[in-house]
Protein backbone atom coordinates (compact mmCIF):
# COMPACT_ATOMS: atom_id res chain seq x y z
CA MET A 1 0.02 17.58 196.16
CA ARG A 2 -1.18 20.48 193.72
CA ILE A 3 0.49 19.56 190.24
CA LEU A 4 0.89 21.06 186.96
CA TYR A 5 1.61 19.57 183.46
CA TRP A 6 2.89 21.79 180.97
CA ASP A 7 2.14 19.84 177.64
CA ALA A 8 4.46 21.65 175.39
CA PHE A 9 4.00 20.10 171.87
CA ALA A 10 4.16 23.15 170.38
CA GLY A 11 6.99 25.02 172.03
CA ILE A 12 6.56 27.91 175.12
CA SER A 13 6.71 31.44 175.76
CA GLY A 14 6.37 33.73 178.11
CA ASP A 15 3.00 34.57 176.80
CA MET A 16 1.96 30.74 176.05
CA ALA A 17 2.73 30.29 179.34
CA LEU A 18 1.10 33.15 181.68
CA GLY A 19 -2.04 32.40 179.13
CA SER A 20 -2.57 28.52 179.95
CA LEU A 21 -2.15 29.70 183.78
CA ILE A 22 -5.06 32.45 183.54
CA ALA A 23 -7.20 29.81 181.61
CA LEU A 24 -6.66 27.72 184.77
CA GLY A 25 -8.31 30.32 186.78
CA ALA A 26 -5.66 32.69 187.64
CA ASP A 27 -6.91 35.99 188.55
CA PRO A 28 -5.69 38.78 185.72
CA ALA A 29 -6.35 41.72 187.76
CA ALA A 30 -4.58 40.31 190.83
CA ILE A 31 -1.63 39.75 188.17
CA THR A 32 -1.79 43.29 187.20
CA GLU A 33 -1.69 44.30 191.09
CA SER A 34 0.81 42.45 191.98
CA LEU A 35 2.76 43.79 188.76
CA ARG A 36 2.72 47.29 189.57
CA SER A 37 3.45 46.75 192.48
CA THR A 38 7.12 46.14 191.50
CA GLY A 39 7.06 49.40 189.75
CA LEU A 40 5.59 48.67 186.31
CA HIS A 41 2.90 50.96 185.31
CA GLU A 42 3.36 51.74 181.46
CA PHE A 43 1.41 48.09 180.55
CA GLU A 44 -1.96 47.03 180.33
CA LEU A 45 -2.71 43.07 180.55
CA ALA A 46 -5.00 42.25 177.45
CA VAL A 47 -6.64 38.93 178.19
CA ASP A 48 -8.82 37.63 175.39
CA LEU A 49 -10.25 34.05 174.23
CA ARG A 50 -8.91 32.62 170.85
CA ARG A 51 -9.97 30.09 168.54
CA VAL A 52 -6.87 28.02 167.32
CA GLN A 53 -7.52 24.94 165.12
CA GLY A 54 -10.73 24.63 166.64
CA ILE A 55 -9.60 24.39 170.02
CA GLN A 56 -10.58 27.82 172.42
CA ALA A 57 -7.52 29.37 174.27
CA THR A 58 -6.40 32.04 176.45
CA ASP A 59 -4.29 34.82 174.36
CA VAL A 60 -2.21 37.34 176.69
CA ASP A 61 -0.92 40.65 174.75
CA VAL A 62 1.08 43.10 176.74
CA ARG A 63 0.15 46.59 175.49
CA ILE A 64 2.79 48.85 176.24
CA GLU A 65 1.75 52.58 176.95
CA GLN A 66 2.50 55.02 173.68
CA GLY A 67 5.49 56.76 173.63
CA SER A 68 7.04 54.54 177.31
CA GLU A 69 9.12 52.75 174.67
CA ALA A 70 9.74 55.33 172.12
CA GLN A 71 13.87 54.88 172.36
CA GLY A 72 13.11 51.05 172.21
CA PRO A 73 13.15 48.39 174.85
CA PRO A 74 14.58 49.29 178.42
CA HIS A 75 17.90 47.27 178.68
CA ARG A 76 17.77 46.52 182.71
CA GLY A 77 20.44 44.54 184.36
CA ILE A 78 19.95 41.83 187.10
CA LYS A 79 20.33 44.44 189.63
CA GLU A 80 17.76 46.64 188.86
CA ILE A 81 15.57 43.78 187.88
CA GLY A 82 16.32 42.16 191.44
CA GLN A 83 15.75 45.65 192.88
CA MET A 84 12.24 45.74 191.21
CA ILE A 85 11.18 42.22 192.38
CA ALA A 86 12.29 42.86 195.72
CA GLY A 87 10.65 46.30 196.37
CA GLY A 88 7.06 44.23 195.44
CA GLY A 89 4.36 43.44 196.98
CA LEU A 90 4.78 40.16 195.69
CA THR A 91 4.84 36.57 198.19
CA GLU A 92 7.90 35.16 199.23
CA THR A 93 7.59 32.45 196.89
CA ALA A 94 6.22 34.39 194.17
CA ARG A 95 9.70 36.86 194.30
CA GLU A 96 12.19 33.57 194.88
CA ASN A 97 10.72 31.92 191.72
CA ALA A 98 10.90 35.26 189.70
CA LEU A 99 14.45 35.89 190.91
CA LYS A 100 15.34 32.35 189.90
CA VAL A 101 14.18 32.65 186.30
CA PHE A 102 16.36 35.99 186.05
CA GLY A 103 19.02 34.28 187.32
CA VAL A 104 18.87 31.44 185.16
CA LEU A 105 18.29 33.93 182.27
CA ALA A 106 21.53 35.69 183.47
CA ARG A 107 23.69 33.20 183.66
CA ALA A 108 22.64 31.76 180.19
CA GLU A 109 23.31 34.98 178.61
CA ALA A 110 26.37 35.73 180.41
CA LYS A 111 28.27 31.93 179.13
CA VAL A 112 26.70 32.54 175.37
CA HIS A 113 28.30 36.04 175.01
CA GLY A 114 31.72 35.71 176.74
CA THR A 115 30.38 38.41 179.99
CA THR A 116 29.47 38.36 183.49
CA VAL A 117 26.05 38.09 185.15
CA GLU A 118 27.00 41.18 186.62
CA GLU A 119 27.22 42.64 183.06
CA VAL A 120 24.38 41.12 181.24
CA HIS A 121 21.78 43.69 180.46
CA PHE A 122 18.65 41.72 179.16
CA HIS A 123 17.28 43.49 175.90
CA GLU A 124 14.29 41.85 174.91
CA VAL A 125 13.97 39.86 178.34
CA GLY A 126 14.42 43.00 180.69
CA ALA A 127 11.51 44.94 178.06
CA VAL A 128 8.27 45.49 179.77
CA ASP A 129 6.46 42.63 178.19
CA SER A 130 8.73 39.91 178.85
CA LEU A 131 9.25 41.40 182.79
CA VAL A 132 5.13 41.07 182.67
CA ASP A 133 5.20 37.46 181.23
CA ILE A 134 8.01 36.28 183.67
CA VAL A 135 6.73 37.84 186.86
CA GLY A 136 2.85 37.25 185.80
CA THR A 137 3.83 34.03 185.70
CA VAL A 138 5.26 32.76 189.23
CA VAL A 139 2.13 34.92 190.45
CA ALA A 140 -0.32 33.10 188.83
CA LEU A 141 1.25 29.74 189.63
CA ASP A 142 1.40 31.03 193.66
CA LEU A 143 -2.41 31.93 192.86
CA LEU A 144 -3.32 28.49 191.75
CA ASN A 145 -1.41 27.15 194.52
CA ILE A 146 0.66 25.00 192.35
CA GLN A 147 3.35 22.85 194.03
CA ARG A 148 4.75 20.98 191.66
CA ILE A 149 5.90 21.46 187.66
CA ARG A 150 6.56 18.74 185.22
CA VAL A 151 6.86 19.08 181.34
CA SER A 152 6.74 17.14 178.44
CA VAL A 153 9.09 16.54 175.67
CA LEU A 154 10.22 19.54 173.75
CA PRO A 155 9.75 20.32 170.14
CA TRP A 156 13.35 20.84 168.52
CA SER A 157 12.80 23.46 165.83
CA ARG A 158 14.93 25.06 163.26
CA GLY A 159 15.73 28.48 161.18
CA PHE A 160 16.62 31.85 162.20
CA VAL A 161 15.37 34.51 164.69
CA ARG A 162 16.48 38.10 164.45
CA CYS A 163 17.26 40.06 168.54
CA ALA A 164 18.89 42.55 169.51
CA HIS A 165 22.57 40.89 168.97
CA GLY A 166 21.50 39.86 164.92
CA THR A 167 20.23 37.32 163.43
CA LEU A 168 20.55 34.22 165.55
CA PRO A 169 19.86 30.35 164.80
CA VAL A 170 17.04 28.48 166.39
CA PRO A 171 16.63 27.69 168.86
CA ALA A 172 18.41 30.63 170.57
CA PRO A 173 22.03 30.09 172.15
CA ALA A 174 20.28 31.31 175.25
CA ALA A 175 17.55 28.93 174.65
CA LEU A 176 19.85 25.69 173.94
CA GLU A 177 22.18 27.08 177.28
CA ILE A 178 19.46 26.61 179.46
CA LEU A 179 17.55 23.95 178.73
CA ALA A 180 20.99 21.94 178.29
CA GLY A 181 19.82 18.54 179.89
CA PHE A 182 15.92 18.43 178.74
CA ARG A 183 15.06 16.14 176.15
CA PHE A 184 13.60 17.31 172.02
CA ARG A 185 12.18 15.63 169.48
CA GLU A 186 12.12 16.77 165.92
CA SER A 187 8.90 18.86 165.27
CA GLY A 188 9.87 19.32 161.51
CA VAL A 189 9.33 23.19 162.23
CA GLU A 190 11.27 26.09 160.41
CA GLY A 191 10.66 29.08 163.31
CA GLU A 192 11.15 29.63 167.22
CA LEU A 193 8.98 27.30 169.11
CA VAL A 194 10.89 27.56 172.43
CA THR A 195 11.97 31.33 173.54
CA PRO A 196 14.57 32.04 176.37
CA THR A 197 11.76 33.28 178.60
CA GLY A 198 9.86 29.68 178.19
CA ALA A 199 13.47 28.01 178.66
CA ALA A 200 14.16 29.66 181.71
CA LEU A 201 10.67 29.15 183.29
CA LEU A 202 11.30 25.33 182.67
CA ALA A 203 14.90 25.32 183.87
CA ALA A 204 13.92 27.24 187.11
CA LEU A 205 10.55 26.21 188.08
CA ALA A 206 10.00 22.42 185.91
CA GLU A 207 11.42 18.99 186.05
CA GLN A 208 10.72 17.02 182.75
CA GLY A 209 9.29 13.67 182.77
CA GLU A 210 6.21 11.46 181.45
CA PHE A 211 2.82 12.46 182.28
CA PRO A 212 2.05 11.97 186.01
CA GLU A 213 -0.33 9.74 187.80
CA MET A 214 -2.57 12.15 189.17
CA ALA A 215 -6.53 13.27 189.31
CA VAL A 216 -7.04 15.46 186.21
CA ALA A 217 -8.67 18.50 187.95
CA LYS A 218 -8.81 21.52 184.91
CA VAL A 219 -7.37 21.90 181.59
CA GLY A 220 -6.17 25.06 179.89
CA TYR A 221 -4.91 26.18 176.81
CA GLY A 222 -2.60 29.76 176.42
CA SER A 223 -1.92 30.37 172.77
CA GLY A 224 1.44 31.75 171.31
CA LYS A 225 1.20 34.44 168.30
CA ASN A 226 3.35 32.33 165.19
CA ASN A 227 1.46 29.81 162.45
CA TYR A 228 4.23 27.27 161.91
CA GLY A 229 1.55 24.57 160.89
CA LEU A 230 1.08 23.23 164.41
CA PRO A 231 -1.52 24.33 166.96
CA SER A 232 0.09 27.35 168.63
CA LEU A 233 -0.64 26.16 172.05
CA LEU A 234 0.36 25.39 175.33
CA ARG A 235 -1.42 22.86 176.71
CA ALA A 236 -1.50 23.36 181.09
CA VAL A 237 -3.06 20.33 183.02
CA GLN A 238 -3.73 20.63 186.90
CA GLY A 239 -4.20 17.93 189.20
CA GLU A 240 -3.52 16.33 192.80
CA ILE A 241 -1.41 13.49 193.62
């Protein structure tokens, strides 16, 4: 069985997750092709190498075509997103996993904001870059034939983050709702380490636990965009059990 261990010592976000899998060997061109099959055309997936505190990592940047979001990020509902995923050329596994992740997000957003799943509009998560992060990640997992995912204890941070709903405490309410039952440790960091997108990927696809007994095959690092003192990296360890 091929297993992935995400060592989330500095948290997890969608771009960190996708970058870590590309670092393990998932093909960016194949990921882009799958994304375009869902109707997402107004983006470019830029993949570069970046040194973070001396460690070489893969940095993923979703570049939106100029003018495609001039009126702000599109506010897509779960129905629209489901139709995009179902109508694309994803494998059955990738399709099911993408729907799981968005389902987790929709239920959390509905509970936090006191509405129904059908009425939830994702704001940032519905924007093109977040759709690319989520769908791209499940496609990359499929390309790597990952059959099981485990994640480390997560870092707890504090502070505030600005979003479509205003200024919210960190961890964002949706992220904390999603990660009920997951274990955290104090990081001493003021800033967002675990995003709602990263949280949803974990809750939908992973289990939390100690490093599994396995033969390590590959190690890759996905870089984040923030600098809070910690190396802004997600370490992905691929192995066989």
